Every structure is written in structure tokens, then in C-alpha cells.
């Protein structure tokens, strides 16, 4: 699995004019799944993201986690994270998992985060979505599961 984590002051996702998920301070997490991914990949990334120390402490150092600051997550499925642009001019999405497999692992990832006490809002899997966020920092990280 591959995720893009963006620290945000606020964010929301809209599908067909309706807000399906919105958060205050926390992370916007774009989530991509590839063929070889398993439940353990979802668990690994949920643990990593929940404890990632990228929020400032009282000294202005990135030393606090999402759990420490009571942050929220807006999780958005994003198969294009596995787009290969090395050849030609159109991305190749052969490395992205089939929707059936990807949705199972996407939901498992979100569930793992919720078991840690994190509020998780989502878009709609497979839908065209408009994502709005105020990037905080900006702090943006790309994390792959092992």
C-alpha cells in the first residue's frame, strides 16, 4: 500500500455536490492499494500514521503524533498513486489493485485507525471526488508499506 499524508488545518471531500467527509485539524490521507497488499499492510500503515510525529510541541519541534494532538483523518481512496509514468505520456495503472481487493484493504485501513480512537471521515470509494484542504506547513509525506 502507498499513502500520501498531508497535515491539514481542515479538509472535506464532496461527491456529486454532497459533503461525504469533513475534518478539522489532522491528516488528509490518500490511499492506494497494489496487487500484493494484504491486511498486514493496512495495519502497518495505520500504526505508522497514528504515531507519526509531525505536529509541533511547545518548543516548535515536530515531536507530537496525531494521537497526541487529538487529530482527525480524512481518508480518500486513490488508485492513481500506482500510476506508472515512466513510459509514454499516459499513466499505466497496471500496478493498482482491482477495485474489489482495493476496497477491502481501504476499509481495513480505516477500521484499524478507528480502533485507535481516531475519528476517520471518508470519501466514496471509486467515485469522482472533490477534495479541499488547507495544507498545514505544508507537511506532505509519502509512505509505502513494507
N, C-alpha and C. Protein backbone atom coordinates (compact mmCIF):
# COMPACT_ATOMS: atom_id res chain seq x y z
N UNK A 1 0.84 -1.18 0.00
CA UNK A 1 0.00 0.00 0.00
C UNK A 1 0.88 1.24 0.00
N UNK A 2 0.33 2.27 -0.54
CA UNK A 2 1.03 3.55 -0.59
C UNK A 2 0.06 4.63 -0.14
N UNK A 3 0.55 5.52 0.73
CA UNK A 3 -0.28 6.63 1.18
C UNK A 3 0.48 7.94 1.03
N UNK A 4 -0.27 8.98 0.76
CA UNK A 4 0.24 10.34 0.81
C UNK A 4 -0.46 10.98 2.00
N UNK A 5 0.32 11.46 2.95
CA UNK A 5 -0.20 12.05 4.18
C UNK A 5 0.06 13.55 4.13
N UNK A 6 -1.01 14.32 4.25
CA UNK A 6 -0.88 15.77 4.25
C UNK A 6 -1.44 16.31 5.56
N UNK A 7 -0.59 16.99 6.31
CA UNK A 7 -1.07 17.62 7.53
C UNK A 7 -1.97 18.78 7.13
N UNK A 8 -3.15 18.85 7.73
CA UNK A 8 -4.11 19.88 7.31
C UNK A 8 -4.78 20.55 8.49
N UNK A 9 -5.16 21.79 8.27
CA UNK A 9 -5.90 22.56 9.28
C UNK A 9 -7.38 22.25 9.20
N UNK A 10 -7.86 21.91 8.01
CA UNK A 10 -9.23 21.49 7.78
C UNK A 10 -9.30 20.88 6.39
N UNK A 11 -10.30 20.01 6.18
CA UNK A 11 -10.44 19.37 4.88
C UNK A 11 -11.84 18.79 4.74
N UNK A 12 -12.24 18.64 3.47
CA UNK A 12 -13.51 17.97 3.20
C UNK A 12 -13.48 17.35 1.82
N UNK A 13 -14.32 16.34 1.64
CA UNK A 13 -14.48 15.69 0.34
C UNK A 13 -15.95 15.77 -0.04
N UNK A 14 -16.18 16.10 -1.31
CA UNK A 14 -17.53 16.26 -1.83
C UNK A 14 -17.72 15.30 -3.01
N UNK A 15 -18.87 14.63 -3.03
CA UNK A 15 -19.24 13.75 -4.14
C UNK A 15 -20.61 14.20 -4.63
N UNK A 16 -20.69 14.53 -5.92
CA UNK A 16 -21.93 14.99 -6.54
C UNK A 16 -22.59 16.11 -5.74
N UNK A 17 -21.78 17.06 -5.29
CA UNK A 17 -22.28 18.22 -4.58
C UNK A 17 -22.60 18.01 -3.12
N UNK A 18 -22.40 16.79 -2.61
CA UNK A 18 -22.70 16.50 -1.21
C UNK A 18 -21.41 16.20 -0.45
N UNK A 19 -21.22 16.85 0.71
CA UNK A 19 -20.05 16.59 1.55
C UNK A 19 -20.20 15.20 2.17
N UNK A 20 -19.24 14.32 1.89
CA UNK A 20 -19.30 12.96 2.44
C UNK A 20 -18.37 12.78 3.63
N UNK A 21 -17.42 13.69 3.79
CA UNK A 21 -16.50 13.63 4.92
C UNK A 21 -15.84 14.98 5.13
N UNK A 22 -15.66 15.35 6.39
CA UNK A 22 -15.01 16.62 6.71
C UNK A 22 -14.31 16.49 8.05
N UNK A 23 -13.14 17.12 8.16
CA UNK A 23 -12.38 17.10 9.41
C UNK A 23 -11.90 18.50 9.75
N UNK A 24 -11.53 18.66 11.00
CA UNK A 24 -10.83 19.86 11.44
C UNK A 24 -9.34 19.54 11.30
N UNK A 25 -8.54 19.80 12.27
CA UNK A 25 -7.09 19.58 12.23
C UNK A 25 -6.75 18.09 12.20
N UNK A 26 -5.77 17.74 11.37
CA UNK A 26 -5.32 16.35 11.32
C UNK A 26 -4.61 16.05 10.01
N UNK A 27 -4.97 14.90 9.42
CA UNK A 27 -4.35 14.45 8.18
C UNK A 27 -5.39 14.21 7.09
N UNK A 28 -5.04 14.58 5.88
CA UNK A 28 -5.71 14.05 4.70
C UNK A 28 -4.80 12.93 4.22
N UNK A 29 -5.38 11.73 4.08
CA UNK A 29 -4.59 10.57 3.69
C UNK A 29 -5.16 10.02 2.38
N UNK A 30 -4.35 10.08 1.32
CA UNK A 30 -4.70 9.47 0.04
C UNK A 30 -4.16 8.05 0.07
N UNK A 31 -5.00 7.06 -0.23
CA UNK A 31 -4.67 5.66 -0.02
C UNK A 31 -4.71 4.88 -1.34
N UNK A 32 -3.58 4.28 -1.71
CA UNK A 32 -3.51 3.44 -2.89
C UNK A 32 -3.17 2.01 -2.52
N UNK A 33 -3.73 1.06 -3.26
CA UNK A 33 -3.52 -0.36 -2.99
C UNK A 33 -3.00 -1.03 -4.25
N UNK A 34 -2.01 -1.92 -4.09
CA UNK A 34 -1.48 -2.69 -5.22
C UNK A 34 -1.81 -4.17 -5.02
N UNK A 35 -1.51 -4.98 -6.01
CA UNK A 35 -1.92 -6.40 -6.04
C UNK A 35 -1.42 -7.23 -4.86
N UNK A 36 -0.21 -7.01 -4.42
CA UNK A 36 0.39 -7.86 -3.39
C UNK A 36 -0.02 -7.48 -1.98
N UNK A 37 -0.75 -6.40 -1.81
CA UNK A 37 -1.08 -5.92 -0.47
C UNK A 37 -2.02 -6.86 0.27
N UNK A 38 -1.82 -6.89 1.61
CA UNK A 38 -2.61 -7.75 2.49
C UNK A 38 -3.05 -6.95 3.71
N UNK A 39 -3.81 -7.58 4.60
CA UNK A 39 -4.29 -6.95 5.83
C UNK A 39 -3.13 -6.38 6.65
N UNK A 40 -2.00 -7.09 6.65
CA UNK A 40 -0.86 -6.62 7.45
C UNK A 40 -0.32 -5.28 6.94
N UNK A 41 -0.48 -5.01 5.65
CA UNK A 41 -0.05 -3.72 5.10
C UNK A 41 -0.95 -2.60 5.62
N UNK A 42 -2.26 -2.86 5.67
CA UNK A 42 -3.20 -1.88 6.20
C UNK A 42 -2.91 -1.59 7.67
N UNK A 43 -2.63 -2.65 8.44
CA UNK A 43 -2.33 -2.50 9.87
C UNK A 43 -1.03 -1.72 10.07
N UNK A 44 -0.01 -2.03 9.28
CA UNK A 44 1.27 -1.33 9.37
C UNK A 44 1.10 0.17 9.14
N UNK A 45 0.39 0.53 8.07
CA UNK A 45 0.23 1.94 7.75
C UNK A 45 -0.64 2.67 8.76
N UNK A 46 -1.66 2.02 9.27
CA UNK A 46 -2.50 2.66 10.29
C UNK A 46 -1.67 2.96 11.54
N UNK A 47 -0.86 2.01 11.95
CA UNK A 47 0.01 2.21 13.13
C UNK A 47 1.02 3.33 12.87
N UNK A 48 1.63 3.32 11.71
CA UNK A 48 2.62 4.34 11.35
C UNK A 48 2.01 5.73 11.35
N UNK A 49 0.86 5.88 10.72
CA UNK A 49 0.22 7.19 10.60
C UNK A 49 -0.26 7.71 11.94
N UNK A 50 -0.85 6.85 12.74
CA UNK A 50 -1.37 7.27 14.05
C UNK A 50 -0.26 7.80 14.95
N UNK A 51 0.94 7.27 14.79
CA UNK A 51 2.05 7.62 15.68
C UNK A 51 3.13 8.48 15.02
N UNK A 52 2.89 8.92 13.80
CA UNK A 52 3.85 9.76 13.07
C UNK A 52 3.97 11.11 13.77
N UNK A 53 5.16 11.45 14.18
CA UNK A 53 5.38 12.68 14.96
C UNK A 53 5.71 13.85 14.04
N UNK A 54 4.65 14.52 13.58
CA UNK A 54 4.82 15.65 12.67
C UNK A 54 4.04 16.89 13.12
N UNK A 55 3.54 16.88 14.35
CA UNK A 55 2.88 18.05 14.91
C UNK A 55 3.82 18.70 15.92
N UNK A 56 3.81 20.04 15.98
CA UNK A 56 4.76 20.75 16.82
C UNK A 56 4.41 20.63 18.30
N UNK A 57 5.46 20.50 19.11
CA UNK A 57 5.31 20.55 20.57
C UNK A 57 5.44 22.01 21.02
N UNK A 58 5.51 22.22 22.34
CA UNK A 58 5.59 23.59 22.88
C UNK A 58 6.85 24.33 22.45
N UNK A 59 7.86 23.61 21.97
CA UNK A 59 9.11 24.23 21.50
C UNK A 59 9.16 24.39 19.99
N UNK A 60 8.07 24.10 19.32
CA UNK A 60 8.03 24.23 17.88
C UNK A 60 8.69 23.11 17.12
N UNK A 61 9.01 22.02 17.81
CA UNK A 61 9.64 20.85 17.16
C UNK A 61 8.56 19.85 16.76
N UNK A 62 8.72 19.22 15.61
CA UNK A 62 7.81 18.15 15.20
C UNK A 62 8.06 16.96 16.10
N UNK A 63 7.26 16.86 17.15
CA UNK A 63 7.51 15.85 18.17
C UNK A 63 6.23 15.17 18.66
N UNK A 64 5.05 15.60 18.14
CA UNK A 64 3.79 15.06 18.60
C UNK A 64 3.08 14.31 17.47
N UNK A 65 2.35 13.28 17.86
CA UNK A 65 1.63 12.46 16.88
C UNK A 65 0.17 12.92 16.76
N UNK A 66 -0.52 12.36 15.81
CA UNK A 66 -1.94 12.61 15.64
C UNK A 66 -2.69 12.23 16.91
N UNK A 67 -2.30 11.12 17.53
CA UNK A 67 -2.92 10.69 18.79
C UNK A 67 -2.67 11.71 19.90
N UNK A 68 -1.47 12.26 19.93
CA UNK A 68 -1.11 13.24 20.97
C UNK A 68 -1.95 14.51 20.88
N UNK A 69 -2.26 14.94 19.64
CA UNK A 69 -2.96 16.21 19.46
C UNK A 69 -4.46 16.04 19.25
N UNK A 70 -4.93 14.79 19.26
CA UNK A 70 -6.36 14.54 19.06
C UNK A 70 -6.83 14.88 17.65
N UNK A 71 -5.96 14.66 16.68
CA UNK A 71 -6.28 14.97 15.29
C UNK A 71 -7.23 13.97 14.65
N UNK A 72 -7.76 14.36 13.51
CA UNK A 72 -8.70 13.54 12.75
C UNK A 72 -8.10 13.19 11.40
N UNK A 73 -8.72 12.25 10.71
CA UNK A 73 -8.23 11.83 9.39
C UNK A 73 -9.36 11.88 8.37
N UNK A 74 -9.05 12.47 7.22
CA UNK A 74 -9.91 12.36 6.04
C UNK A 74 -9.20 11.40 5.10
N UNK A 75 -9.76 10.21 4.95
CA UNK A 75 -9.17 9.15 4.15
C UNK A 75 -9.86 9.07 2.79
N UNK A 76 -9.04 9.12 1.72
CA UNK A 76 -9.58 9.14 0.37
C UNK A 76 -8.88 8.07 -0.46
N UNK A 77 -9.66 7.15 -1.04
CA UNK A 77 -9.07 6.12 -1.91
C UNK A 77 -8.50 6.79 -3.15
N UNK A 78 -7.34 6.28 -3.60
CA UNK A 78 -6.62 6.97 -4.68
C UNK A 78 -5.80 5.97 -5.49
N UNK A 79 -6.45 5.26 -6.42
CA UNK A 79 -5.74 4.25 -7.21
C UNK A 79 -4.64 4.85 -8.06
N UNK A 80 -4.72 6.15 -8.37
CA UNK A 80 -3.71 6.77 -9.22
C UNK A 80 -2.34 6.87 -8.57
N UNK A 81 -2.26 6.58 -7.26
CA UNK A 81 -0.94 6.55 -6.61
C UNK A 81 -0.06 5.46 -7.20
N UNK A 82 -0.66 4.47 -7.85
CA UNK A 82 0.11 3.43 -8.51
C UNK A 82 0.17 3.63 -10.02
N UNK A 83 0.03 4.87 -10.47
CA UNK A 83 0.20 5.18 -11.87
C UNK A 83 1.68 5.23 -12.22
N UNK A 84 2.07 4.50 -13.24
CA UNK A 84 3.46 4.47 -13.70
C UNK A 84 3.59 5.40 -14.90
N UNK A 85 4.40 6.44 -14.75
CA UNK A 85 4.55 7.45 -15.80
C UNK A 85 5.91 7.39 -16.49
N UNK A 86 6.63 6.29 -16.30
CA UNK A 86 7.98 6.21 -16.86
C UNK A 86 8.00 6.12 -18.38
N UNK A 87 6.99 5.49 -18.97
CA UNK A 87 6.95 5.33 -20.43
C UNK A 87 5.74 6.05 -20.98
N UNK A 88 5.90 6.62 -22.15
CA UNK A 88 4.78 7.26 -22.82
C UNK A 88 4.29 8.50 -22.10
N UNK A 89 3.09 8.90 -22.47
CA UNK A 89 2.53 10.13 -21.92
C UNK A 89 1.24 9.90 -21.13
N UNK A 90 0.79 8.66 -21.13
CA UNK A 90 -0.40 8.33 -20.36
C UNK A 90 0.01 7.36 -19.26
N UNK A 91 -0.39 7.61 -18.02
CA UNK A 91 -0.02 6.70 -16.92
C UNK A 91 -0.55 5.29 -17.15
N UNK A 92 0.23 4.32 -16.71
CA UNK A 92 -0.17 2.92 -16.73
C UNK A 92 -0.58 2.55 -15.31
N UNK A 93 -1.79 2.03 -15.15
CA UNK A 93 -2.31 1.72 -13.81
C UNK A 93 -2.34 0.22 -13.52
N UNK A 94 -1.49 -0.53 -14.20
CA UNK A 94 -1.47 -1.99 -14.03
C UNK A 94 -1.08 -2.41 -12.61
N UNK A 95 -0.36 -1.59 -11.89
CA UNK A 95 0.06 -1.94 -10.53
C UNK A 95 -1.03 -1.69 -9.49
N UNK A 96 -2.06 -0.95 -9.85
CA UNK A 96 -3.17 -0.71 -8.92
C UNK A 96 -4.00 -1.98 -8.79
N UNK A 97 -4.42 -2.28 -7.57
CA UNK A 97 -5.25 -3.47 -7.33
C UNK A 97 -6.62 -3.29 -7.97
N UNK A 98 -7.27 -4.41 -8.26
CA UNK A 98 -8.65 -4.39 -8.74
C UNK A 98 -9.53 -3.75 -7.67
N UNK A 99 -10.59 -3.08 -8.06
CA UNK A 99 -11.44 -2.38 -7.09
C UNK A 99 -11.94 -3.25 -5.93
N UNK A 100 -12.29 -4.50 -6.21
CA UNK A 100 -12.81 -5.36 -5.15
C UNK A 100 -11.77 -5.57 -4.04
N UNK A 101 -10.54 -5.87 -4.43
CA UNK A 101 -9.46 -6.08 -3.46
C UNK A 101 -9.09 -4.76 -2.79
N UNK A 102 -8.99 -3.70 -3.57
CA UNK A 102 -8.58 -2.40 -3.03
C UNK A 102 -9.58 -1.90 -1.99
N UNK A 103 -10.87 -2.05 -2.24
CA UNK A 103 -11.87 -1.56 -1.30
C UNK A 103 -11.80 -2.30 0.02
N UNK A 104 -11.57 -3.60 -0.02
CA UNK A 104 -11.45 -4.39 1.21
C UNK A 104 -10.30 -3.87 2.07
N UNK A 105 -9.15 -3.62 1.45
CA UNK A 105 -7.98 -3.15 2.21
C UNK A 105 -8.12 -1.69 2.61
N UNK A 106 -8.76 -0.89 1.80
CA UNK A 106 -9.03 0.50 2.15
C UNK A 106 -9.92 0.55 3.40
N UNK A 107 -10.96 -0.24 3.42
CA UNK A 107 -11.86 -0.28 4.59
C UNK A 107 -11.14 -0.84 5.81
N UNK A 108 -10.27 -1.84 5.62
CA UNK A 108 -9.50 -2.40 6.74
C UNK A 108 -8.57 -1.34 7.32
N UNK A 109 -7.93 -0.56 6.47
CA UNK A 109 -7.06 0.53 6.90
C UNK A 109 -7.84 1.52 7.76
N UNK A 110 -9.00 1.97 7.28
CA UNK A 110 -9.82 2.92 8.02
C UNK A 110 -10.29 2.33 9.35
N UNK A 111 -10.64 1.07 9.34
CA UNK A 111 -11.08 0.39 10.56
C UNK A 111 -9.95 0.33 11.59
N UNK A 112 -8.74 0.03 11.13
CA UNK A 112 -7.58 -0.01 12.03
C UNK A 112 -7.36 1.34 12.70
N UNK A 113 -7.51 2.41 11.94
CA UNK A 113 -7.35 3.76 12.51
C UNK A 113 -8.42 4.04 13.56
N UNK A 114 -9.64 3.63 13.26
CA UNK A 114 -10.75 3.87 14.20
C UNK A 114 -10.55 3.10 15.50
N UNK A 115 -9.96 1.91 15.44
CA UNK A 115 -9.73 1.14 16.67
C UNK A 115 -8.72 1.83 17.58
N UNK A 116 -7.97 2.77 17.03
CA UNK A 116 -7.00 3.53 17.83
C UNK A 116 -7.65 4.79 18.43
N UNK A 117 -8.95 4.95 18.20
CA UNK A 117 -9.67 6.09 18.75
C UNK A 117 -9.63 7.33 17.88
N UNK A 118 -9.22 7.18 16.63
CA UNK A 118 -9.12 8.31 15.72
C UNK A 118 -10.43 8.46 14.94
N UNK A 119 -10.92 9.69 14.86
CA UNK A 119 -12.08 9.97 14.02
C UNK A 119 -11.62 9.91 12.57
N UNK A 120 -12.28 9.05 11.77
CA UNK A 120 -11.93 8.90 10.36
C UNK A 120 -13.16 9.21 9.52
N UNK A 121 -13.03 10.20 8.65
CA UNK A 121 -14.05 10.52 7.67
C UNK A 121 -13.53 10.05 6.31
N UNK A 122 -14.44 9.79 5.38
CA UNK A 122 -14.01 9.25 4.09
C UNK A 122 -14.75 9.90 2.93
N UNK A 123 -14.21 9.63 1.76
CA UNK A 123 -14.92 9.93 0.53
C UNK A 123 -15.79 8.72 0.19
N UNK A 124 -16.07 8.54 -1.10
CA UNK A 124 -16.83 7.39 -1.57
C UNK A 124 -15.92 6.60 -2.50
N UNK A 125 -15.65 5.35 -2.14
CA UNK A 125 -14.72 4.53 -2.92
C UNK A 125 -15.17 4.46 -4.38
N UNK A 126 -14.23 4.76 -5.28
CA UNK A 126 -14.47 4.64 -6.71
C UNK A 126 -15.21 5.81 -7.34
N UNK A 127 -15.64 6.78 -6.55
CA UNK A 127 -16.40 7.91 -7.08
C UNK A 127 -15.45 9.03 -7.50
N UNK A 128 -15.96 9.92 -8.36
CA UNK A 128 -15.25 11.16 -8.66
C UNK A 128 -15.46 12.07 -7.45
N UNK A 129 -14.36 12.54 -6.87
CA UNK A 129 -14.44 13.31 -5.64
C UNK A 129 -13.72 14.65 -5.79
N UNK A 130 -14.25 15.65 -5.11
CA UNK A 130 -13.58 16.94 -4.98
C UNK A 130 -13.05 17.00 -3.56
N UNK A 131 -11.73 17.14 -3.42
CA UNK A 131 -11.11 17.19 -2.10
C UNK A 131 -10.56 18.60 -1.89
N UNK A 132 -10.97 19.22 -0.80
CA UNK A 132 -10.47 20.54 -0.44
C UNK A 132 -9.74 20.44 0.89
N UNK A 133 -8.58 21.08 0.97
CA UNK A 133 -7.87 21.09 2.23
C UNK A 133 -7.05 22.35 2.37
N UNK A 134 -6.80 22.70 3.61
CA UNK A 134 -5.84 23.73 3.92
C UNK A 134 -4.62 23.00 4.46
N UNK A 135 -3.58 22.91 3.61
CA UNK A 135 -2.38 22.18 3.97
C UNK A 135 -1.65 22.97 5.05
N UNK A 136 -1.29 22.31 6.13
CA UNK A 136 -0.65 22.93 7.29
C UNK A 136 0.84 22.71 7.23
N UNK A 137 1.58 23.76 6.96
CA UNK A 137 3.04 23.67 6.95
C UNK A 137 3.67 24.25 5.70
N UNK A 138 3.56 23.65 4.56
CA UNK A 138 2.93 22.37 4.29
C UNK A 138 3.81 21.19 4.74
N UNK A 139 3.15 20.16 5.22
CA UNK A 139 3.81 18.91 5.56
C UNK A 139 3.12 17.83 4.75
N UNK A 140 3.87 17.21 3.83
CA UNK A 140 3.34 16.16 2.97
C UNK A 140 4.37 15.03 2.91
N UNK A 141 3.92 13.80 3.22
CA UNK A 141 4.81 12.64 3.24
C UNK A 141 4.22 11.51 2.41
N UNK A 142 5.08 10.73 1.79
CA UNK A 142 4.68 9.52 1.06
C UNK A 142 5.21 8.33 1.85
N UNK A 143 4.32 7.39 2.17
CA UNK A 143 4.71 6.22 2.96
C UNK A 143 4.25 4.97 2.24
N UNK A 144 5.15 4.01 2.06
CA UNK A 144 4.83 2.71 1.48
C UNK A 144 4.89 1.66 2.57
N UNK A 145 3.99 0.68 2.49
CA UNK A 145 4.09 -0.45 3.42
C UNK A 145 5.27 -1.33 2.98
N UNK A 146 5.78 -2.14 3.92
CA UNK A 146 6.96 -2.96 3.58
C UNK A 146 6.71 -3.90 2.41
